[in-house]
Amino acid sequence: MDETLKNIIFLAITGFVAYHGLTYRDEEGESDFVRLLFGCIALLFFLRVFIVDVLGIEIF
C-alpha cells in the first residue's frame, strides 16, 4: 500500500473521530469532556498529517 493511500485512510478516520468528538451532544445538550478531549487530539493528528504529509509544508 503506498503512502498516499495510507494518508487518505488515516485522514478519513481521524477526521471522523474529531468531528464526532467535537460535535457530540447528549439528550440534554451537554458535551462530554472525554469526547471533547479525544476529538481535540484527533484534530491535532489530522492537521499534522494533512499539513506535513499531504501538503508538504515543513514548519521547522
Protein backbone atom coordinates (compact mmCIF):
# COMPACT_ATOMS: atom_id res chain seq x y z
CA MET A 1 0.00 0.00 0.00
CA ASP A 2 1.53 3.32 -0.97
CA GLU A 3 1.94 6.31 1.32
CA THR A 4 -0.83 8.41 -0.26
CA LEU A 5 -3.49 5.78 0.34
CA LYS A 6 -2.36 5.35 3.95
CA ASN A 7 -2.60 9.12 4.48
CA ILE A 8 -6.10 9.25 2.98
CA ILE A 9 -7.32 6.41 5.19
CA PHE A 10 -5.73 7.97 8.28
CA LEU A 11 -7.24 11.38 7.47
CA ALA A 12 -10.70 9.88 6.97
CA ILE A 13 -10.62 8.04 10.29
CA THR A 14 -9.15 10.86 12.37
CA GLY A 15 -11.42 13.40 10.67
CA PHE A 16 -14.47 11.33 11.60
CA VAL A 17 -13.28 10.90 15.21
CA ALA A 18 -12.53 14.62 15.51
CA TYR A 19 -15.89 15.64 14.04
CA HIS A 20 -17.84 13.22 16.22
CA GLY A 21 -15.92 14.13 19.37
CA LEU A 22 -16.30 17.88 18.90
CA THR A 23 -19.94 17.93 17.83
CA TYR A 24 -21.44 15.22 20.09
CA ARG A 25 -24.21 16.29 22.48
CA ASP A 26 -26.27 14.11 24.80
CA GLU A 27 -30.04 14.27 25.21
CA GLU A 28 -29.74 17.33 27.45
CA GLY A 29 -27.49 19.18 25.01
CA GLU A 30 -24.35 18.83 27.13
CA SER A 31 -20.89 17.99 25.82
CA ASP A 32 -18.91 15.09 27.22
CA PHE A 33 -15.40 16.01 28.42
CA VAL A 34 -13.80 12.77 27.26
CA ARG A 35 -15.26 13.05 23.75
CA LEU A 36 -14.11 16.67 23.52
CA LEU A 37 -10.62 15.66 24.66
CA PHE A 38 -10.26 12.83 22.14
CA GLY A 39 -11.84 15.00 19.44
CA CYS A 40 -9.19 17.66 20.01
CA ILE A 41 -6.39 15.10 20.00
CA ALA A 42 -7.72 13.58 16.77
CA LEU A 43 -7.95 17.05 15.23
CA LEU A 44 -4.30 17.73 16.06
CA PHE A 45 -3.21 14.46 14.44
CA PHE A 46 -5.43 15.21 11.42
CA LEU A 47 -3.93 18.66 10.95
CA ARG A 48 -0.35 17.42 11.39
CA VAL A 49 -0.70 14.68 8.76
CA PHE A 50 -2.61 16.96 6.39
CA ILE A 51 -0.18 19.88 6.61
CA VAL A 52 3.12 18.00 6.73
CA ASP A 53 2.50 14.79 4.78
CA VAL A 54 -0.18 15.80 2.27
CA LEU A 55 0.60 19.46 1.61
CA GLY A 56 4.34 19.05 2.20
CA ILE A 57 4.74 22.15 4.36
CA GLU A 58 7.65 21.83 6.77
CA ILE A 59 7.30 24.07 9.82
CA PHE A 60 10.85 23.72 11.14
